[in-house]
PDB file of N, CA and C in Angstrom:
ATOM      1  N   MET A   1     -16.779   3.942   8.214  1.00  0.00           N
ATOM      2  CA  MET A   1     -15.782   3.328   8.696  1.00  0.00           C
ATOM      3  C   MET A   1     -14.903   2.525   8.303  1.00  0.00           C
ATOM      4  N   PHE A   2     -15.297   1.700   7.369  1.00  0.00           N
ATOM      5  CA  PHE A   2     -14.847   0.895   6.347  1.00  0.00           C
ATOM      6  C   PHE A   2     -12.838   1.233   5.698  1.00  0.00           C
ATOM      7  N   ALA A   3     -13.370   2.488   4.893  1.00  0.00           N
ATOM      8  CA  ALA A   3     -12.543   3.735   4.819  1.00  0.00           C
ATOM      9  C   ALA A   3     -11.617   4.105   5.707  1.00  0.00           C
ATOM     10  N   LEU A   4     -11.782   4.274   6.816  1.00  0.00           N
ATOM     11  CA  LEU A   4     -11.010   3.972   7.850  1.00  0.00           C
ATOM     12  C   LEU A   4      -9.701   3.261   8.250  1.00  0.00           C
ATOM     13  N   PHE A   5     -10.794   1.751   8.308  1.00  0.00           N
ATOM     14  CA  PHE A   5      -9.676   1.076   7.763  1.00  0.00           C
ATOM     15  C   PHE A   5      -8.871   0.705   6.662  1.00  0.00           C
ATOM     16  N   LEU A   6      -9.142   1.120   5.600  1.00  0.00           N
ATOM     17  CA  LEU A   6      -8.711   1.476   4.650  1.00  0.00           C
ATOM     18  C   LEU A   6      -7.616   1.519   4.689  1.00  0.00           C
ATOM     19  N   GLY A   7      -7.230   3.158   5.075  1.00  0.00           N
ATOM     20  CA  GLY A   7      -6.516   4.642   4.963  1.00  0.00           C
ATOM     21  C   GLY A   7      -5.900   3.912   5.904  1.00  0.00           C
ATOM     22  N   ALA A   8      -5.713   2.613   6.919  1.00  0.00           N
ATOM     23  CA  ALA A   8      -5.040   3.251   8.198  1.00  0.00           C
ATOM     24  C   ALA A   8      -4.102   1.751   7.792  1.00  0.00           C
ATOM     25  N   LEU A   9      -5.167   0.485   6.610  1.00  0.00           N
ATOM     26  CA  LEU A   9      -4.406  -0.874   5.980  1.00  0.00           C
ATOM     27  C   LEU A   9      -3.453  -0.384   5.341  1.00  0.00           C
ATOM     28  N   ALA A  10      -3.478   1.288   4.982  1.00  0.00           N
ATOM     29  CA  ALA A  10      -2.740   1.385   3.621  1.00  0.00           C
ATOM     30  C   ALA A  10      -1.391   2.541   4.127  1.00  0.00           C
ATOM     31  N   PHE A  11      -1.799   2.955   4.884  1.00  0.00           N
ATOM     32  CA  PHE A  11      -0.797   4.172   4.981  1.00  0.00           C
ATOM     33  C   PHE A  11       0.027   4.399   6.519  1.00  0.00           C
ATOM     34  N   ILE A  12      -0.232   3.604   7.513  1.00  0.00           N
ATOM     35  CA  ILE A  12       0.985   2.798   8.879  1.00  0.00           C
ATOM     36  C   ILE A  12       1.772   2.426   8.151  1.00  0.00           C
ATOM     37  N   PRO A  13       2.212   1.059   7.083  1.00  0.00           N
ATOM     38  CA  PRO A  13       2.935   0.605   6.572  1.00  0.00           C
ATOM     39  C   PRO A  13       4.287   1.323   5.729  1.00  0.00           C
ATOM     40  N   MET A  14       3.162   2.576   5.299  1.00  0.00           N
ATOM     41  CA  MET A  14       3.828   4.054   4.641  1.00  0.00           C
ATOM     42  C   MET A  14       4.207   4.192   5.531  1.00  0.00           C
ATOM     43  N   LEU A  15       3.912   4.697   6.821  1.00  0.00           N
ATOM     44  CA  LEU A  15       4.627   5.683   7.189  1.00  0.00           C
ATOM     45  C   LEU A  15       5.568   4.955   7.582  1.00  0.00           C
ATOM     46  N   LEU A  16       5.867   3.833   7.828  1.00  0.00           N
ATOM     47  CA  LEU A  16       6.955   3.403   9.031  1.00  0.00           C
ATOM     48  C   LEU A  16       7.837   2.981   7.419  1.00  0.00           C
ATOM     49  N   GLU A  17       7.591   3.363   6.265  1.00  0.00           N
ATOM     50  CA  GLU A  17       8.822   2.650   4.972  1.00  0.00           C
ATOM     51  C   GLU A  17       8.864   3.786   5.120  1.00  0.00           C
ATOM     52  N   ALA A  18       8.396   4.840   5.021  1.00  0.00           N
ATOM     53  CA  ALA A  18       9.571   6.183   5.114  1.00  0.00           C
ATOM     54  C   ALA A  18      10.378   6.309   6.167  1.00  0.00           C
ATOM     55  N   ARG A  19       9.655   5.847   7.009  1.00  0.00           N
ATOM     56  CA  ARG A  19      10.715   6.492   8.071  1.00  0.00           C
ATOM     57  C   ARG A  19      12.001   6.019   7.796  1.00  0.00           C
ATOM     58  N   ARG A  20      11.537   4.248   7.382  1.00  0.00           N
ATOM     59  CA  ARG A  20      12.945   3.705   7.421  1.00  0.00           C
ATOM     60  C   ARG A  20      14.299   4.041   6.277  1.00  0.00           C
ATOM     61  N   ALA A  21      13.373   4.233   5.176  1.00  0.00           N
ATOM     62  CA  ALA A  21      13.456   5.040   4.270  1.00  0.00           C
ATOM     63  C   ALA A  21      14.624   6.001   4.377  1.00  0.00           C
ATOM     64  N   ALA A  22      14.350   6.730   4.881  1.00  0.00           N
ATOM     65  CA  ALA A  22      14.784   8.639   5.502  1.00  0.00           C
ATOM     66  C   ALA A  22      16.153   7.544   6.121  1.00  0.00           C
ATOM     67  N   GLY A  23      15.733   6.745   6.836  1.00  0.00           N
ATOM     68  CA  GLY A  23      17.220   7.173   7.198  1.00  0.00           C
ATOM     69  C   GLY A  23      17.756   5.814   6.541  1.00  0.00           C
ATOM     70  N   HIS A  24      18.068   5.339   5.827  1.00  0.00           N
ATOM     71  CA  HIS A  24      18.758   4.726   4.896  1.00  0.00           C
ATOM     72  C   HIS A  24      19.542   5.702   4.028  1.00  0.00           C
ATOM     73  N   ASP A  25      18.693   7.032   3.203  1.00  0.00           N
ATOM     74  CA  ASP A  25      18.908   7.502   2.394  1.00  0.00           C
ATOM     75  C   ASP A  25      20.115   8.413   3.331  1.00  0.00           C
ATOM     76  N   ARG A  26      19.544   9.294   4.538  1.00  0.00           N
ATOM     77  CA  ARG A  26      20.769   9.830   5.310  1.00  0.00           C
ATOM     78  C   ARG A  26      22.013   9.401   5.568  1.00  0.00           C
ATOM     79  N   ARG A  27      21.929   8.096   5.589  1.00  0.00           N
ATOM     80  CA  ARG A  27      23.448   7.221   5.779  1.00  0.00           C
ATOM     81  C   ARG A  27      24.033   6.941   4.694  1.00  0.00           C
ATOM     82  N   LEU A  28      23.136   6.542   3.737  1.00  0.00           N
ATOM     83  CA  LEU A  28      23.546   6.745   1.794  1.00  0.00           C
ATOM     84  C   LEU A  28      24.403   7.764   1.189  1.00  0.00           C
ATOM     85  N   ARG A  29      24.083   9.130   2.004  1.00  0.00           N
ATOM     86  CA  ARG A  29      24.056  10.503   1.511  1.00  0.00           C
ATOM     87  C   ARG A  29      25.334  10.198   1.822  1.00  0.00           C
ATOM     88  N   ALA A  30      25.507  10.109   3.281  1.00  0.00           N
ATOM     89  CA  ALA A  30      26.034  10.460   4.073  1.00  0.00           C
ATOM     90  C   ALA A  30      27.247   9.813   4.136  1.00  0.00           C
ATOM     91  N   ALA A  31      27.481   8.599   2.682  1.00  0.00           N
ATOM     92  CA  ALA A  31      28.811   7.937   2.613  1.00  0.00           C
ATOM     93  C   ALA A  31      29.212   8.330   1.226  1.00  0.00           C
ATOM     94  N   GLY A  32      28.061   9.100   0.326  1.00  0.00           N
ATOM     95  CA  GLY A  32      28.917  10.106  -0.563  1.00  0.00           C
ATOM     96  C   GLY A  32      27.654   9.750  -1.892  1.00  0.00           C
ATOM     97  N   ALA A  33      26.979   8.892  -1.568  1.00  0.00           N
ATOM     98  CA  ALA A  33      25.331   8.291  -2.362  1.00  0.00           C
ATOM     99  C   ALA A  33      25.044   9.927  -3.118  1.00  0.00           C
ATOM    100  N   VAL A  34      24.690   9.916  -4.059  1.00  0.00           N
ATOM    101  CA  VAL A  34      23.651  10.957  -4.941  1.00  0.00           C
ATOM    102  C   VAL A  34      22.782  10.781  -5.931  1.00  0.00           C
ATOM    103  N   GLU A  35      21.251  11.288  -6.154  1.00  0.00           N
ATOM    104  CA  GLU A  35      20.721  11.214  -6.979  1.00  0.00           C
ATOM    105  C   GLU A  35      20.583  11.480  -7.960  1.00  0.00           C
ATOM    106  N   PRO A  36      20.434  10.326  -8.891  1.00  0.00           N
ATOM    107  CA  PRO A  36      20.552  10.442 -10.473  1.00  0.00           C
ATOM    108  C   PRO A  36      19.783  11.719 -11.199  1.00  0.00           C
ATOM    109  N   ALA A  37      20.237  12.229 -12.080  1.00  0.00           N
ATOM    110  CA  ALA A  37      19.316  13.203 -12.590  1.00  0.00           C
ATOM    111  C   ALA A  37      18.375  12.975 -13.384  1.00  0.00           C
ATOM    112  N   GLY A  38      16.713  13.213 -13.126  1.00  0.00           N
ATOM    113  CA  GLY A  38      15.676  13.052 -13.342  1.00  0.00           C
ATOM    114  C   GLY A  38      15.510  11.546 -12.642  1.00  0.00           C
ATOM    115  N   ASP A  39      16.099  11.856 -11.579  1.00  0.00           N
ATOM    116  CA  ASP A  39      15.195  10.777 -10.511  1.00  0.00           C
ATOM    117  C   ASP A  39      13.742  11.050 -10.690  1.00  0.00           C
ATOM    118  N   VAL A  40      12.773   9.356 -10.392  1.00  0.00           N
ATOM    119  CA  VAL A  40      10.885  10.074 -10.526  1.00  0.00           C
ATOM    120  C   VAL A  40      11.225   9.968  -9.518  1.00  0.00           C
ATOM    121  N   TYR A  41      12.099   9.843  -8.069  1.00  0.00           N
ATOM    122  CA  TYR A  41      11.467   9.370  -6.568  1.00  0.00           C
ATOM    123  C   TYR A  41      10.295  10.058  -6.333  1.00  0.00           C
ATOM    124  N   PRO A  42      11.076  11.558  -6.274  1.00  0.00           N
ATOM    125  CA  PRO A  42       9.902  12.619  -5.891  1.00  0.00           C
ATOM    126  C   PRO A  42       9.257  12.519  -6.244  1.00  0.00           C
ATOM    127  N   LEU A  43       9.010  12.603  -7.362  1.00  0.00           N
ATOM    128  CA  LEU A  43       7.305  12.399  -8.127  1.00  0.00           C
ATOM    129  C   LEU A  43       6.631  10.954  -7.900  1.00  0.00           C
ATOM    130  N   MET A  44       7.468   9.620  -7.299  1.00  0.00           N
ATOM    131  CA  MET A  44       6.394   8.980  -6.663  1.00  0.00           C
ATOM    132  C   MET A  44       6.541   9.138  -5.090  1.00  0.00           C
ATOM    133  N   GLN A  45       7.055   9.477  -4.743  1.00  0.00           N
ATOM    134  CA  GLN A  45       6.648  10.151  -3.172  1.00  0.00           C
ATOM    135  C   GLN A  45       5.433  10.703  -2.927  1.00  0.00           C
ATOM    136  N   VAL A  46       4.497  11.041  -3.982  1.00  0.00           N
ATOM    137  CA  VAL A  46       3.375  11.821  -4.026  1.00  0.00           C
ATOM    138  C   VAL A  46       2.903  10.804  -4.542  1.00  0.00           C
ATOM    139  N   ALA A  47       2.724  10.736  -6.138  1.00  0.00           N
ATOM    140  CA  ALA A  47       1.490   9.739  -6.851  1.00  0.00           C
ATOM    141  C   ALA A  47       1.132   8.187  -6.083  1.00  0.00           C
ATOM    142  N   TYR A  48       2.391   8.111  -4.882  1.00  0.00           N
ATOM    143  CA  TYR A  48       2.206   6.610  -4.984  1.00  0.00           C
ATOM    144  C   TYR A  48       1.030   6.510  -3.164  1.00  0.00           C
ATOM    145  N   PRO A  49       1.142   7.405  -2.976  1.00  0.00           N
ATOM    146  CA  PRO A  49       0.438   7.503  -1.772  1.00  0.00           C
ATOM    147  C   PRO A  49      -1.140   8.295  -1.933  1.00  0.00           C
ATOM    148  N   GLY A  50      -1.088   8.865  -3.109  1.00  0.00           N
ATOM    149  CA  GLY A  50      -1.893   9.696  -3.878  1.00  0.00           C
ATOM    150  C   GLY A  50      -2.866   8.963  -4.072  1.00  0.00           C
ATOM    151  N   CYS A  51      -2.815   7.617  -4.987  1.00  0.00           N
ATOM    152  CA  CYS A  51      -2.655   6.878  -5.667  1.00  0.00           C
ATOM    153  C   CYS A  51      -3.994   6.052  -4.243  1.00  0.00           C
ATOM    154  N   PHE A  52      -3.200   5.812  -3.324  1.00  0.00           N
ATOM    155  CA  PHE A  52      -3.781   5.697  -2.525  1.00  0.00           C
ATOM    156  C   PHE A  52      -5.323   5.570  -2.371  1.00  0.00           C
ATOM    157  N   LEU A  53      -5.046   7.429  -1.682  1.00  0.00           N
ATOM    158  CA  LEU A  53      -5.906   8.020  -1.018  1.00  0.00           C
ATOM    159  C   LEU A  53      -7.460   8.659  -1.570  1.00  0.00           C
ATOM    160  N   ALA A  54      -6.376   8.297  -3.463  1.00  0.00           N
ATOM    161  CA  ALA A  54      -7.846   8.824  -4.051  1.00  0.00           C
ATOM    162  C   ALA A  54      -9.311   7.385  -4.187  1.00  0.00           C
ATOM    163  N   MET A  55      -8.101   6.039  -3.786  1.00  0.00           N
ATOM    164  CA  MET A  55      -8.991   5.388  -3.281  1.00  0.00           C
ATOM    165  C   MET A  55      -9.682   4.501  -2.582  1.00  0.00           C
ATOM    166  N   ILE A  56      -9.284   5.494  -1.187  1.00  0.00           N
ATOM    167  CA  ILE A  56      -9.990   5.539  -0.364  1.00  0.00           C
ATOM    168  C   ILE A  56     -10.975   6.738   0.140  1.00  0.00           C
ATOM    169  N   ALA A  57     -10.823   7.809  -1.113  1.00  0.00           N
ATOM    170  CA  ALA A  57     -12.201   8.540  -0.968  1.00  0.00           C
ATOM    171  C   ALA A  57     -12.906   7.992  -1.947  1.00  0.00           C
ATOM    172  N   GLU A  58     -11.908   6.878  -2.661  1.00  0.00           N
ATOM    173  CA  GLU A  58     -13.591   7.026  -2.790  1.00  0.00           C
ATOM    174  C   GLU A  58     -14.554   5.644  -2.581  1.00  0.00           C
ATOM    175  N   ALA A  59     -13.993   4.547  -1.728  1.00  0.00           N
ATOM    176  CA  ALA A  59     -14.860   4.124  -0.596  1.00  0.00           C
ATOM    177  C   ALA A  59     -16.101   4.275   0.138  1.00  0.00           C
ATOM    178  N   TRP A  60     -14.726   6.157   0.833  1.00  0.00           N
ATOM    179  CA  TRP A  60     -15.511   6.749   1.754  1.00  0.00           C
ATOM    180  C   TRP A  60     -16.924   7.739   1.882  1.00  0.00           C
ATOM    181  N   LEU A  61     -16.919   8.554  -0.100  1.00  0.00           N
ATOM    182  CA  LEU A  61     -17.775   9.216  -1.198  1.00  0.00           C
ATOM    183  C   LEU A  61     -18.815   7.677  -0.996  1.00  0.00           C
ATOM    184  N   ARG A  62     -18.397   6.344  -1.712  1.00  0.00           N
ATOM    185  CA  ARG A  62     -19.474   5.547  -1.430  1.00  0.00           C
ATOM    186  C   ARG A  62     -20.390   4.969  -0.320  1.00  0.00           C
ATOM    187  N   ASP A  63     -19.441   5.329   0.407  1.00  0.00           N
ATOM    188  CA  ASP A  63     -19.916   5.100   1.344  1.00  0.00           C
ATOM    189  C   ASP A  63     -19.772   2.991   0.919  1.00  0.00           C
ATOM    190  N   ALA A  64     -18.601   2.594   0.811  1.00  0.00           N
ATOM    191  CA  ALA A  64     -18.632   1.345   0.377  1.00  0.00           C
ATOM    192  C   ALA A  64     -18.054   0.469   1.735  1.00  0.00           C
ATOM    193  N   GLY A  65     -18.628  -0.784   1.966  1.00  0.00           N
ATOM    194  CA  GLY A  65     -17.909  -1.636   2.922  1.00  0.00           C
ATOM    195  C   GLY A  65     -18.240  -3.273   1.868  1.00  0.00           C
ATOM    196  N   PRO A  66     -17.178  -3.718   2.768  1.00  0.00           N
ATOM    197  CA  PRO A  66     -16.929  -5.768   2.519  1.00  0.00           C
ATOM    198  C   PRO A  66     -18.524  -5.773   2.904  1.00  0.00           C
ATOM    199  N   ALA A  67     -18.660  -6.047   1.456  1.00  0.00           N
ATOM    200  CA  ALA A  67     -19.519  -7.164   0.972  1.00  0.00           C
ATOM    201  C   ALA A  67     -20.177  -8.329   1.762  1.00  0.00           C
ATOM    202  N   ASP A  68     -18.898  -9.680   2.693  1.00  0.00           N
ATOM    203  CA  ASP A  68     -18.666 -10.127   2.919  1.00  0.00           C
ATOM    204  C   ASP A  68     -17.194 -10.619   3.464  1.00  0.00           C
ATOM    205  N   ARG A  69     -17.469 -11.842   3.960  1.00  0.00           N
ATOM    206  CA  ARG A  69     -15.611 -12.563   4.406  1.00  0.00           C
ATOM    207  C   ARG A  69     -15.175 -12.103   3.029  1.00  0.00           C
ATOM    208  N   HIS A  70     -15.475 -12.276   1.956  1.00  0.00           N
ATOM    209  CA  HIS A  70     -14.589 -13.335   0.880  1.00  0.00           C
ATOM    210  C   HIS A  70     -13.612 -12.131   0.939  1.00  0.00           C
ATOM    211  N   GLU A  71     -14.424 -10.433   0.661  1.00  0.00           N
ATOM    212  CA  GLU A  71     -13.866  -9.185   0.338  1.00  0.00           C
ATOM    213  C   GLU A  71     -12.261  -9.186   1.165  1.00  0.00           C
ATOM    214  N   LEU A  72     -13.165  -8.857   2.771  1.00  0.00           N
ATOM    215  CA  LEU A  72     -12.108  -8.948   3.557  1.00  0.00           C
ATOM    216  C   LEU A  72     -10.375 -10.128   3.399  1.00  0.00           C
ATOM    217  N   TRP A  73     -11.313 -11.436   2.627  1.00  0.00           N
ATOM    218  CA  TRP A  73      -9.892 -12.187   2.547  1.00  0.00           C
ATOM    219  C   TRP A  73      -9.290 -11.596   1.028  1.00  0.00           C
ATOM    220  N   GLY A  74      -9.746 -11.097   0.115  1.00  0.00           N
ATOM    221  CA  GLY A  74      -9.080 -10.684  -0.882  1.00  0.00           C
ATOM    222  C   GLY A  74      -8.198  -9.424   0.063  1.00  0.00           C
ATOM    223  N   LEU A  75      -8.260  -8.620   1.087  1.00  0.00           N
ATOM    224  CA  LEU A  75      -7.254  -7.494   1.073  1.00  0.00           C
ATOM    225  C   LEU A  75      -6.009  -8.064   2.260  1.00  0.00           C
ATOM    226  N   ALA A  76      -6.302  -9.546   1.933  1.00  0.00           N
ATOM    227  CA  ALA A  76      -4.978 -10.459   2.773  1.00  0.00           C
ATOM    228  C   ALA A  76      -4.584 -11.166   1.678  1.00  0.00           C
ATOM    229  N   VAL A  77      -4.757 -11.200   0.623  1.00  0.00           N
ATOM    230  CA  VAL A  77      -3.874 -11.774  -0.307  1.00  0.00           C
ATOM    231  C   VAL A  77      -2.938 -10.268  -0.880  1.00  0.00           C
ATOM    232  N   VAL A  78      -3.345  -9.471  -0.522  1.00  0.00           N
ATOM    233  CA  VAL A  78      -2.437  -8.452  -1.295  1.00  0.00           C
ATOM    234  C   VAL A  78      -1.332  -8.417  -0.635  1.00  0.00           C
ATOM    235  N   THR A  79      -0.918  -8.185  -0.129  1.00  0.00           N
ATOM    236  CA  THR A  79       0.286  -8.955   1.180  1.00  0.00           C
ATOM    237  C   THR A  79       0.947  -9.586   0.670  1.00  0.00           C
ATOM    238  N   PRO A  80       2.799  -9.759   0.523  1.00  0.00           N
ATOM    239  CA  PRO A  80       3.151 -10.521   0.202  1.00  0.00           C
ATOM    240  C   PRO A  80       3.052 -11.699   1.296  1.00  0.00           C
ATOM    241  N   GLU A  81       2.664 -12.011   2.727  1.00  0.00           N
ATOM    242  CA  GLU A  81       2.141 -12.500   3.821  1.00  0.00           C
ATOM    243  C   GLU A  81       1.301 -13.876   2.969  1.00  0.00           C
ATOM    244  N   GLY A  82      -0.082 -13.055   2.228  1.00  0.00           N
ATOM    245  CA  GLY A  82      -1.075 -13.141   2.178  1.00  0.00           C
ATOM    246  C   GLY A  82      -1.053 -14.546   0.632  1.00  0.00           C
ATOM    247  N   LEU A  83      -0.044 -13.848  -0.546  1.00  0.00           N
ATOM    248  CA  LEU A  83      -0.094 -13.953  -1.202  1.00  0.00           C
ATOM    249  C   LEU A  83       0.873 -15.568  -1.292  1.00  0.00           C
ATOM    250  N   GLU A  84       0.480 -16.421  -0.039  1.00  0.00           N
ATOM    251  CA  GLU A  84       1.037 -17.747  -0.003  1.00  0.00           C
ATOM    252  C   GLU A  84      -0.063 -19.032   0.621  1.00  0.00           C
ATOM    253  N   TYR A  85      -0.995 -17.546   0.289  1.00  0.00           N
ATOM    254  CA  TYR A  85      -2.111 -18.445   0.806  1.00  0.00           C
ATOM    255  C   TYR A  85      -2.917 -19.130  -0.076  1.00  0.00           C
ATOM    256  N   PRO A  86      -3.816 -19.696  -0.256  1.00  0.00           N
ATOM    257  CA  PRO A  86      -5.268 -20.484  -0.958  1.00  0.00           C
ATOM    258  C   PRO A  86      -6.086 -19.426  -0.746  1.00  0.00           C
ATOM    259  N   THR A  87      -6.450 -18.728  -1.917  1.00  0.00           N
ATOM    260  CA  THR A  87      -8.556 -17.869  -1.087  1.00  0.00           C
ATOM    261  C   THR A  87      -9.791 -19.385  -0.876  1.00  0.00           C
ATOM    262  N   PRO A  88     -10.975 -19.042  -0.495  1.00  0.00           N
ATOM    263  CA  PRO A  88     -11.876 -19.479  -0.956  1.00  0.00           C
ATOM    264  C   PRO A  88     -11.730 -19.794  -2.513  1.00  0.00           C
ATOM    265  N   GLN A  89     -12.024 -19.270  -3.618  1.00  0.00           N
ATOM    266  CA  GLN A  89     -11.837 -19.538  -4.640  1.00  0.00           C
ATOM    267  C   GLN A  89     -11.038 -20.428  -5.206  1.00  0.00           C
ATOM    268  N   GLY A  90      -9.504 -20.185  -4.887  1.00  0.00           N
ATOM    269  CA  GLY A  90      -8.466 -21.449  -5.811  1.00  0.00           C
ATOM    270  C   GLY A  90      -7.531 -20.064  -5.090  1.00  0.00           C
ATOM    271  N   GLU A  91      -6.086 -21.347  -5.809  1.00  0.00           N
ATOM    272  CA  GLU A  91      -5.307 -20.030  -5.147  1.00  0.00           C
ATOM    273  C   GLU A  91      -4.566 -18.657  -5.823  1.00  0.00           C
ATOM    274  N   LEU A  92      -4.620 -18.080  -5.549  1.00  0.00           N
ATOM    275  CA  LEU A  92      -4.631 -16.068  -5.683  1.00  0.00           C
ATOM    276  C   LEU A  92      -6.117 -16.375  -5.983  1.00  0.00           C
ATOM    277  N   GLY A  93      -6.797 -16.354  -5.771  1.00  0.00           N
ATOM    278  CA  GLY A  93      -8.442 -15.635  -6.404  1.00  0.00           C
ATOM    279  C   GLY A  93      -8.883 -16.023  -7.128  1.00  0.00           C
ATOM    280  N   LEU A  94      -7.946 -16.664  -8.247  1.00  0.00           N
ATOM    281  CA  LEU A  94      -8.352 -16.277  -9.586  1.00  0.00           C
ATOM    282  C   LEU A  94      -9.198 -17.595 -10.529  1.00  0.00           C
ATOM    283  N   GLY A  95      -9.655 -18.483  -9.340  1.00  0.00           N
ATOM    284  CA  GLY A  95     -10.927 -19.281  -8.892  1.00  0.00           C
ATOM    285  C   GLY A  95     -10.384 -20.827  -9.842  1.00  0.00           C
ATOM    286  N   THR A  96      -8.388 -21.173  -9.945  1.00  0.00           N
ATOM    287  CA  THR A  96      -8.517 -22.256 -10.707  1.00  0.00           C
ATOM    288  C   THR A  96      -8.119 -23.225  -9.766  1.00  0.00           C
TER     289      THR A  96
END
């Protein structure tokens, strides 16, 4: 169940971002933009979600879950908004 939560947390924003980026891409190409030779963007469209999928698959295979509320707090720290808030261990969870 935790792996499903992680999947939603990772892939729902990714899908929304991909939809928005596709619209931007269409407008840029209509304006004459071209992709540079040797661009890594197509590879990253597979590699980036693939890394998240691998981590979620590991969580599912290990039947991993949050041990306590501090781990869930850590999930908030990885968001841009979460970086602005101190964690129970100190600012950004670095124990300072």
